[in-house]
Amino acid sequence: MKTLLRLCACLLLGCVLTACPETTVNDDFGLKPLTLKASDWNGSWQPIDDDDKTDFSVIDAQQGLIRFTEPGKKEAMPIEFKIRRASADDKVNLYFVLIHEKGTKPGSFTIYILRQSDKGILFLWGIEHDAIEAAIKAGQLQGSTRQVKNDTINHLDSVPANYTKLLEPQFWNWSEPMVLKRAKK
């Protein structure tokens, strides 16, 4: 299995090319950037069920910006992602992760939710596109939907009401977390 986040990027590209459902946000989605401590993030990470490693580097700690690369793969482009607070309550340990592929349109960040454990483990969950579409159409979330071929492209507005509502369980695929652990040196 390839690195977990590279897989997410490939899935996003596949979705764009095959018109499967997707949900995007702008780069300011979330309450504010998570201030990062470089020692908590820099280094090698790997999926719990694989030996492939990914290197994380904090680019801008104040803006919650991280770059990840795959060691030994010169043709692979680095991917940058932002981590932003999902809740004003510091006890809530969930954050929005916004991933942007180079060459994609502005405002087309893919969104995930992340939980960082104290033991060098990261849990990442994908969004439930159909639940997002239904919530936008029902007025529960602010945003827009549009049809592309037979699938819907959702875009969530960067408004505080969306951040709170998006923490509800129906919007995330909780049963299938992507799990990364800090790689042993």
Protein backbone atom coordinates (compact mmCIF):
# COMPACT_ATOMS: atom_id res chain seq x y z
CA MET A 1 0.00 0.00 0.00
CA LYS A 2 1.33 3.43 -0.89
CA THR A 3 1.53 6.11 1.70
CA LEU A 4 -1.82 6.95 3.10
CA LEU A 5 -1.98 10.60 2.20
CA ARG A 6 -0.65 9.99 -1.33
CA LEU A 7 -3.49 7.53 -1.68
CA CYS A 8 -5.93 10.26 -0.64
CA ALA A 9 -4.46 12.56 -3.27
CA CYS A 10 -4.75 9.86 -5.93
CA LEU A 11 -8.35 9.23 -4.92
CA LEU A 12 -9.07 12.93 -5.27
CA LEU A 13 -7.50 13.01 -8.73
CA GLY A 14 -9.43 9.90 -9.69
CA CYS A 15 -12.64 11.52 -8.48
CA VAL A 16 -11.99 14.60 -10.55
CA LEU A 17 -11.27 12.54 -13.66
CA THR A 18 -14.18 10.13 -13.21
CA ALA A 19 -16.64 12.64 -11.73
CA CYS A 20 -17.29 10.81 -8.48
CA PRO A 21 -18.73 12.85 -5.60
CA GLU A 22 -16.44 15.27 -3.85
CA THR A 23 -16.59 18.00 -1.26
CA THR A 24 -14.31 21.03 -1.35
CA VAL A 25 -13.62 24.03 0.86
CA ASN A 26 -11.57 27.23 0.67
CA ASP A 27 -8.18 27.46 2.37
CA ASP A 28 -9.63 29.46 5.29
CA PHE A 29 -12.11 26.76 6.32
CA GLY A 30 -12.02 26.23 10.09
CA LEU A 31 -11.82 28.61 13.02
CA LYS A 32 -8.10 29.37 12.80
CA PRO A 33 -4.86 27.60 11.96
CA LEU A 34 -3.58 25.10 14.50
CA THR A 35 -0.23 26.35 15.78
CA LEU A 36 2.12 23.44 15.30
CA LYS A 37 5.04 22.28 17.38
CA ALA A 38 7.55 21.07 14.79
CA SER A 39 8.83 18.24 16.99
CA ASP A 40 5.31 16.75 17.09
CA TRP A 41 5.06 16.61 13.30
CA ASN A 42 8.47 16.63 11.59
CA GLY A 43 9.84 13.25 10.65
CA SER A 44 8.75 10.01 9.06
CA TRP A 45 5.26 8.59 9.37
CA GLN A 46 3.81 5.35 8.04
CA PRO A 47 0.45 3.61 7.80
CA ILE A 48 -0.04 1.12 10.64
CA ASP A 49 -0.35 -1.75 8.18
CA ASP A 50 2.55 -0.89 5.85
CA ASP A 51 6.27 -0.15 5.81
CA ASP A 52 6.12 2.74 3.29
CA LYS A 53 7.14 5.99 4.89
CA THR A 54 6.14 9.59 4.34
CA ASP A 55 8.15 12.56 5.56
CA PHE A 56 6.34 15.48 7.18
CA SER A 57 7.94 18.91 7.45
CA VAL A 58 6.34 21.87 9.15
CA ILE A 59 6.60 24.77 6.71
CA ASP A 60 4.77 27.44 8.67
CA ALA A 61 4.00 26.54 12.30
CA GLN A 62 1.76 29.57 12.88
CA GLN A 63 -0.38 28.79 9.83
CA GLY A 64 -0.59 25.03 10.51
CA LEU A 65 1.08 24.27 7.17
CA ILE A 66 2.85 20.94 6.57
CA ARG A 67 4.49 19.48 3.46
CA PHE A 68 4.77 15.77 2.97
CA THR A 69 6.97 13.89 0.58
CA GLU A 70 7.74 10.28 -0.19
CA PRO A 71 11.44 9.55 0.36
CA GLY A 72 13.18 8.05 -2.65
CA LYS A 73 10.46 9.06 -5.11
CA LYS A 74 11.88 12.00 -7.01
CA GLU A 75 9.00 12.15 -9.51
CA ALA A 76 6.41 12.44 -6.74
CA MET A 77 5.39 16.04 -6.11
CA PRO A 78 5.25 17.17 -2.50
CA ILE A 79 1.78 17.78 -1.15
CA GLU A 80 0.94 20.54 1.28
CA PHE A 81 -1.85 20.53 3.78
CA LYS A 82 -3.20 22.89 6.40
CA ILE A 83 -4.48 21.96 9.81
CA ARG A 84 -7.18 24.23 11.21
CA ARG A 85 -9.18 24.19 14.42
CA ALA A 86 -12.62 22.66 14.15
CA SER A 87 -13.82 23.88 17.55
CA ALA A 88 -13.19 26.84 19.84
CA ASP A 89 -13.18 24.35 22.75
CA ASP A 90 -9.54 23.38 23.37
CA LYS A 91 -10.75 20.06 24.83
CA VAL A 92 -12.08 19.02 21.41
CA ASN A 93 -9.17 17.22 19.83
CA LEU A 94 -10.49 17.19 16.24
CA TYR A 95 -9.03 19.36 13.49
CA PHE A 96 -9.86 20.00 9.86
CA VAL A 97 -7.15 19.00 7.39
CA LEU A 98 -7.24 20.83 4.07
CA ILE A 99 -5.28 19.19 1.26
CA HIS A 100 -4.54 21.04 -1.95
CA GLU A 101 -3.03 19.42 -5.01
CA LYS A 102 -0.80 21.63 -7.12
CA GLY A 103 -2.53 22.55 -10.35
CA THR A 104 -6.07 22.43 -8.98
CA LYS A 105 -8.32 25.47 -8.84
CA PRO A 106 -8.22 27.87 -5.87
CA GLY A 107 -10.93 27.04 -3.37
CA SER A 108 -10.72 23.35 -4.12
CA PHE A 109 -9.18 22.00 -0.95
CA THR A 110 -10.23 18.49 0.00
CA ILE A 111 -11.30 18.26 3.64
CA TYR A 112 -10.63 15.55 6.22
CA ILE A 113 -10.92 15.46 9.96
CA LEU A 114 -7.89 14.59 12.10
CA ARG A 115 -7.24 13.51 15.64
CA GLN A 116 -3.69 13.49 16.95
CA SER A 117 -2.97 11.18 19.87
CA ASP A 118 -0.25 11.70 22.46
CA LYS A 119 1.50 8.51 21.37
CA GLY A 120 2.64 9.45 17.85
CA ILE A 121 -0.54 8.28 16.13
CA LEU A 122 -2.67 10.27 13.67
CA PHE A 123 -6.25 9.32 12.83
CA LEU A 124 -7.73 10.76 9.64
CA TRP A 125 -11.33 10.35 8.46
CA GLY A 126 -12.87 11.05 5.08
CA ILE A 127 -16.06 13.01 4.57
CA GLU A 128 -19.45 11.52 3.66
CA HIS A 129 -20.22 13.36 0.41
CA ASP A 130 -23.86 12.24 0.22
CA ALA A 131 -24.55 13.46 3.77
CA ILE A 132 -22.93 16.81 2.90
CA GLU A 133 -25.06 17.14 -0.23
CA ALA A 134 -28.27 16.37 1.69
CA ALA A 135 -27.36 18.85 4.46
CA ILE A 136 -26.64 21.64 1.95
CA LYS A 137 -29.92 21.01 0.15
CA ALA A 138 -31.80 20.97 3.50
CA GLY A 139 -30.15 24.22 4.60
CA GLN A 140 -28.29 22.58 7.51
CA LEU A 141 -24.91 23.46 6.00
CA GLN A 142 -24.08 26.56 3.96
CA GLY A 143 -22.57 25.88 0.60
CA SER A 144 -23.43 24.82 -2.91
CA THR A 145 -23.87 21.68 -4.94
CA ARG A 146 -23.60 21.19 -8.65
CA GLN A 147 -23.96 18.22 -10.92
CA VAL A 148 -21.00 17.03 -12.98
CA LYS A 149 -22.01 14.10 -15.16
CA ASN A 150 -23.92 11.84 -12.76
CA ASP A 151 -22.26 13.03 -9.57
CA THR A 152 -22.44 15.99 -7.26
CA ILE A 153 -19.66 18.40 -6.38
CA ASN A 154 -20.24 20.01 -2.99
CA HIS A 155 -18.54 23.15 -1.77
CA LEU A 156 -18.83 24.24 1.86
CA ASP A 157 -18.74 27.94 2.75
CA SER A 158 -16.18 29.16 5.29
CA VAL A 159 -18.64 30.18 8.01
CA PRO A 160 -18.51 29.32 11.74
CA ALA A 161 -21.94 27.64 11.66
CA ASN A 162 -20.53 25.04 9.25
CA TYR A 163 -17.58 24.21 11.53
CA THR A 164 -19.81 23.36 14.48
CA LYS A 165 -22.35 21.44 12.40
CA LEU A 166 -19.62 19.52 10.58
CA LEU A 167 -18.48 17.93 13.86
CA GLU A 168 -21.68 15.89 13.93
CA PRO A 169 -21.03 12.18 13.30
CA GLN A 170 -23.14 11.72 10.17
CA PHE A 171 -20.70 13.77 8.09
CA TRP A 172 -17.64 11.51 8.51
CA ASN A 173 -16.74 7.94 7.65
CA TRP A 174 -15.85 7.02 11.25
CA SER A 175 -15.71 3.27 10.59
CA GLU A 176 -12.72 3.55 8.24
CA PRO A 177 -10.02 5.76 9.73
CA MET A 178 -6.70 6.18 8.01
CA VAL A 179 -4.09 5.64 10.73
CA LEU A 180 -0.49 6.85 10.60
CA LYS A 181 2.16 6.19 13.23
CA ARG A 182 5.50 7.85 13.74
CA ALA A 183 8.06 5.63 12.00
CA LYS A 184 10.88 4.13 14.03
CA LYS A 185 14.28 5.56 13.25
